[in-house]
C-alpha cells in the first residue's frame, strides 16, 4: 500500500537528496512514505538536535488560538518521517516513545510508512486509548466540506491537548510564502492553530532548520489530497 517515491529538494534547504521507495496502494495511502521525502535535509543520520517549541496554550477550551508544546526531534534518516512525526505529536502529550519503537509498531521500512492508518494505530497504542481516528482524503481534489471538517478536527484534537499527524504529498506554500515540496510524500505533526483554526502550526521532522511553520487550513487540506490524517 505504498508508492514508489523519490526525495526531492526542499526549497528552503539545500542539503539532502535520498530516494525512498514504496509500493502503490489505496488512494489515501498512496505514497504514504516516510522519508523527508523532499526536504533537502541531510537525512539527519544522527539526530543530535532536540528543540522545544513554544507553548502558547490558553488554559480553557473554545479559544481561537492554541499551540501545544512539542519536544521536537528531526528524523534520523530519509524514511523515518512517519515515526518522527508520530513521536513529535506524542511528545505534546508528554509521551517520550522512541522513533525506533514507533517504526516497529507502524511497520516502517526503507520503503516508508504505508498510511495514516499506521500512524493512528501507533498513536492509540502509545496512549492506551482509541481516541485517534483516521480520516481519508482519497481524491485529488479537496471539497470545501472536507476543508471545514479538517478545521474542526484540528481544533477539537488540539483542544483535547493532542497533536495530529498528517500524510501529505506535493507542494504547498506556508504563510510566509515559503514553498515546501514533498513529491513522493511525507508525514508532519500538527500542534497548533490560530484564527479559529484557519491557520495551522506544523512541526516538520525533515529539516531542523525549518522545523516549524504556519500554513492555512486550505493549503494543508490540498497538501493531503489522496492521503489522510490521524486526529
Protein backbone atom coordinates (compact mmCIF):
# COMPACT_ATOMS: atom_id res chain seq x y z
CA UNK A 1 0.00 0.00 0.00
CA UNK A 2 2.79 2.36 -0.87
CA UNK A 3 4.06 4.28 -3.88
CA UNK A 4 7.49 4.42 -5.50
CA UNK A 5 8.94 7.68 -4.35
CA UNK A 6 11.97 9.86 -4.53
CA UNK A 7 13.13 12.59 -2.22
CA UNK A 8 13.05 15.95 -3.89
CA UNK A 9 14.83 19.08 -2.87
CA UNK A 10 13.02 21.26 -0.35
CA UNK A 11 13.14 24.81 -1.48
CA UNK A 12 14.06 26.06 1.97
CA UNK A 13 17.18 23.92 2.46
CA UNK A 14 19.92 22.79 0.13
CA UNK A 15 21.11 19.68 1.91
CA UNK A 16 19.99 16.14 1.41
CA UNK A 17 18.93 14.02 -1.51
CA UNK A 18 17.99 10.42 -0.95
CA UNK A 19 15.47 8.19 -2.58
CA UNK A 20 12.72 6.33 -0.82
CA UNK A 21 10.71 3.61 -2.45
CA UNK A 22 7.32 2.42 -1.56
CA UNK A 23 4.67 0.42 -3.31
CA UNK A 24 1.48 1.80 -4.76
CA UNK A 25 -1.75 1.09 -2.91
CA UNK A 26 -5.08 2.54 -1.89
CA UNK A 27 -5.72 6.08 -2.96
CA UNK A 28 -5.49 7.50 0.50
CA UNK A 29 -2.44 5.53 1.47
CA UNK A 30 -0.70 6.13 -1.81
CA UNK A 31 2.77 7.45 -1.34
CA UNK A 32 2.39 7.49 2.41
CA UNK A 33 6.07 7.18 2.51
CA UNK A 34 8.29 8.02 5.23
CA UNK A 35 11.21 9.93 4.02
CA UNK A 36 11.94 13.51 4.48
CA UNK A 37 10.71 12.92 1.02
CA UNK A 38 11.73 16.15 -0.28
CA UNK A 39 13.18 18.45 2.21
CA UNK A 40 16.77 18.72 1.37
CA UNK A 41 17.82 17.94 4.83
CA UNK A 42 20.84 15.93 5.26
CA UNK A 43 18.90 12.78 6.14
CA UNK A 44 19.75 13.62 9.72
CA UNK A 45 21.57 10.35 10.19
CA UNK A 46 22.47 11.49 13.66
CA UNK A 47 19.65 13.40 15.31
CA UNK A 48 21.77 15.46 17.63
CA UNK A 49 19.30 18.34 17.59
CA UNK A 50 16.38 18.47 20.00
CA UNK A 51 14.41 21.67 20.34
CA UNK A 52 11.41 22.52 22.44
CA UNK A 53 8.78 24.55 20.65
CA UNK A 54 6.94 27.39 22.31
CA UNK A 55 3.77 26.69 24.22
CA UNK A 56 1.07 29.27 23.71
CA UNK A 57 -1.80 27.32 25.21
CA UNK A 58 -4.76 29.11 26.59
CA UNK A 59 -5.98 27.40 29.72
CA UNK A 60 -9.54 26.82 28.57
CA UNK A 61 -11.25 25.43 25.53
CA UNK A 62 -13.17 27.40 22.99
CA UNK A 63 -10.37 29.84 22.23
CA UNK A 64 -9.33 30.88 18.76
CA UNK A 65 -5.58 30.29 19.20
CA UNK A 66 -3.81 27.37 20.79
CA UNK A 67 -0.37 25.83 20.40
CA UNK A 68 0.79 22.65 22.11
CA UNK A 69 4.34 22.36 23.35
CA UNK A 70 6.44 19.79 21.48
CA UNK A 71 9.76 18.18 22.27
CA UNK A 72 10.84 18.36 18.64
CA UNK A 73 13.30 15.89 17.13
CA UNK A 74 14.29 15.61 13.46
CA UNK A 75 14.14 12.29 11.68
CA UNK A 76 17.43 10.35 11.70
CA UNK A 77 17.23 9.08 8.11
CA UNK A 78 15.37 9.54 4.85
CA UNK A 79 12.48 7.17 5.60
CA UNK A 80 11.62 7.87 9.25
CA UNK A 81 9.25 10.80 8.71
CA UNK A 82 6.29 8.65 9.84
CA UNK A 83 7.86 7.62 13.17
CA UNK A 84 9.33 11.09 13.66
CA UNK A 85 6.04 12.92 13.09
CA UNK A 86 4.25 10.46 15.37
CA UNK A 87 6.92 10.78 18.05
CA UNK A 88 6.78 14.57 17.91
CA UNK A 89 2.99 14.51 18.11
CA UNK A 90 3.07 12.22 21.14
CA UNK A 91 5.55 14.49 22.90
CA UNK A 92 2.79 17.11 23.11
CA UNK A 93 1.01 14.73 25.47
CA UNK A 94 4.15 14.05 27.49
CA UNK A 95 4.98 10.71 25.89
CA UNK A 96 8.62 10.03 25.07
CA UNK A 97 8.45 6.99 22.81
CA UNK A 98 11.43 6.33 20.57
CA UNK A 99 11.20 6.54 16.80
CA UNK A 100 12.57 3.01 16.54
CA UNK A 101 9.75 1.62 18.68
CA UNK A 102 7.20 3.53 16.65
CA UNK A 103 8.78 2.36 13.39
CA UNK A 104 8.41 -1.22 14.57
CA UNK A 105 4.79 -0.66 15.52
CA UNK A 106 4.00 1.01 12.19
CA UNK A 107 5.92 -1.43 10.03
CA UNK A 108 8.20 1.30 8.72
CA UNK A 109 10.99 0.16 6.40
CA UNK A 110 13.23 1.90 3.89
CA UNK A 111 10.13 1.88 1.72
CA UNK A 112 8.48 4.15 4.25
CA UNK A 113 5.30 4.02 6.32
CA UNK A 114 2.24 2.84 4.43
CA UNK A 115 -0.53 5.19 5.50
CA UNK A 116 -2.19 7.33 8.15
CA UNK A 117 -3.84 4.15 9.37
CA UNK A 118 -0.43 3.14 10.70
CA UNK A 119 0.16 6.43 12.49
CA UNK A 120 -3.32 6.24 14.03
CA UNK A 121 -2.66 2.73 15.31
CA UNK A 122 0.67 3.74 16.83
CA UNK A 123 -0.80 6.86 18.46
CA UNK A 124 -3.61 4.88 20.08
CA UNK A 125 -1.29 2.16 21.28
CA UNK A 126 1.04 4.71 22.85
CA UNK A 127 -1.84 6.40 24.67
CA UNK A 128 -3.62 3.18 25.55
CA UNK A 129 -6.85 4.59 24.13
CA UNK A 130 -8.84 4.70 20.93
CA UNK A 131 -9.10 8.49 20.81
CA UNK A 132 -7.30 8.82 17.50
CA UNK A 133 -9.13 8.20 14.25
CA UNK A 134 -8.11 8.26 10.60
CA UNK A 135 -9.73 10.49 8.03
CA UNK A 136 -9.00 9.57 4.43
CA UNK A 137 -8.88 12.16 1.67
CA UNK A 138 -8.79 9.75 -1.28
CA UNK A 139 -9.42 12.15 -4.15
CA UNK A 140 -7.02 14.58 -5.82
CA UNK A 141 -9.47 17.45 -5.32
CA UNK A 142 -10.46 18.59 -1.83
CA UNK A 143 -14.02 19.80 -1.28
CA UNK A 144 -14.99 22.79 0.89
CA UNK A 145 -16.74 20.34 3.21
CA UNK A 146 -13.52 18.37 3.71
CA UNK A 147 -11.61 21.57 4.49
CA UNK A 148 -14.26 22.59 7.02
CA UNK A 149 -14.11 19.14 8.59
CA UNK A 150 -10.31 19.34 8.78
CA UNK A 151 -10.56 22.70 10.52
CA UNK A 152 -12.99 21.20 13.04
CA UNK A 153 -10.85 18.09 13.58
CA UNK A 154 -7.69 20.13 14.18
CA UNK A 155 -9.38 22.43 16.67
CA UNK A 156 -11.11 19.58 18.51
CA UNK A 157 -7.98 17.44 18.74
CA UNK A 158 -5.67 20.24 19.88
CA UNK A 159 -8.28 21.45 22.37
CA UNK A 160 -8.04 17.90 23.75
CA UNK A 161 -4.29 18.53 24.15
CA UNK A 162 -3.37 16.06 21.43
CA UNK A 163 -1.36 16.77 18.29
CA UNK A 164 -2.30 15.37 14.88
CA UNK A 165 -0.26 13.56 12.24
CA UNK A 166 -0.84 14.29 8.56
CA UNK A 167 0.28 12.38 5.48
CA UNK A 168 0.96 14.89 2.70
CA UNK A 169 2.37 14.95 -0.82
CA UNK A 170 3.25 17.55 -3.40
CA UNK A 171 3.95 21.24 -2.97
CA UNK A 172 2.44 23.92 -0.79
CA UNK A 173 3.22 27.43 0.43
CA UNK A 174 3.21 28.50 4.07
CA UNK A 175 2.04 31.82 5.47
CA UNK A 176 5.50 33.34 4.87
CA UNK A 177 5.28 32.38 1.18
CA UNK A 178 7.95 29.72 1.63
CA UNK A 179 7.45 26.68 -0.59
CA UNK A 180 7.60 23.14 0.81
CA UNK A 181 7.82 20.26 -1.65
CA UNK A 182 7.44 16.52 -0.98
CA UNK A 183 6.52 14.98 -4.32
CA UNK A 184 6.83 11.44 -3.04
CA UNK A 185 5.03 12.03 0.22
CA UNK A 186 5.82 12.90 3.82
CA UNK A 187 4.43 12.93 7.36
CA UNK A 188 4.16 16.02 9.55
CA UNK A 189 2.83 16.79 13.03
CA UNK A 190 0.15 19.44 13.61
CA UNK A 191 0.27 21.04 17.03
CA UNK A 192 -1.27 24.48 16.92
CA UNK A 193 -3.87 26.72 15.37
CA UNK A 194 -4.76 30.40 15.25
CA UNK A 195 -7.59 32.49 13.80
CA UNK A 196 -10.04 29.79 14.87
CA UNK A 197 -8.01 27.09 13.08
CA UNK A 198 -7.82 28.90 9.78
CA UNK A 199 -4.04 28.74 10.14
CA UNK A 200 -2.19 25.68 11.40
CA UNK A 201 1.20 25.16 13.08
CA UNK A 202 3.32 22.40 11.54
CA UNK A 203 6.27 20.54 13.07
CA UNK A 204 8.34 19.13 10.20
CA UNK A 205 10.92 16.48 11.07
CA UNK A 206 12.72 16.60 7.72
CA UNK A 207 14.84 19.64 8.44
CA UNK A 208 15.63 21.09 11.89
CA UNK A 209 16.48 24.38 10.19
CA UNK A 210 12.87 24.58 9.05
CA UNK A 211 11.39 22.74 11.99
CA UNK A 212 8.11 24.63 12.13
CA UNK A 213 5.91 26.93 10.10
CA UNK A 214 2.32 28.10 9.76
CA UNK A 215 0.08 27.11 6.87
CA UNK A 216 -3.54 27.88 6.02
CA UNK A 217 -6.04 25.11 6.59
CA UNK A 218 -6.99 25.25 2.91
CA UNK A 219 -3.41 24.73 1.78
CA UNK A 220 -2.96 21.92 4.29
CA UNK A 221 -6.10 20.17 3.08
CA UNK A 222 -4.94 20.36 -0.53
CA UNK A 223 -1.50 19.10 0.53
CA UNK A 224 -3.16 16.00 1.97
CA UNK A 225 -5.20 15.19 -1.14
CA UNK A 226 -5.08 11.43 -1.89
CA UNK A 227 -3.67 10.84 1.62
CA UNK A 228 -5.16 11.29 5.07
CA UNK A 229 -4.57 12.26 8.68
CA UNK A 230 -4.73 10.96 12.25
CA UNK A 231 -6.76 13.02 14.71
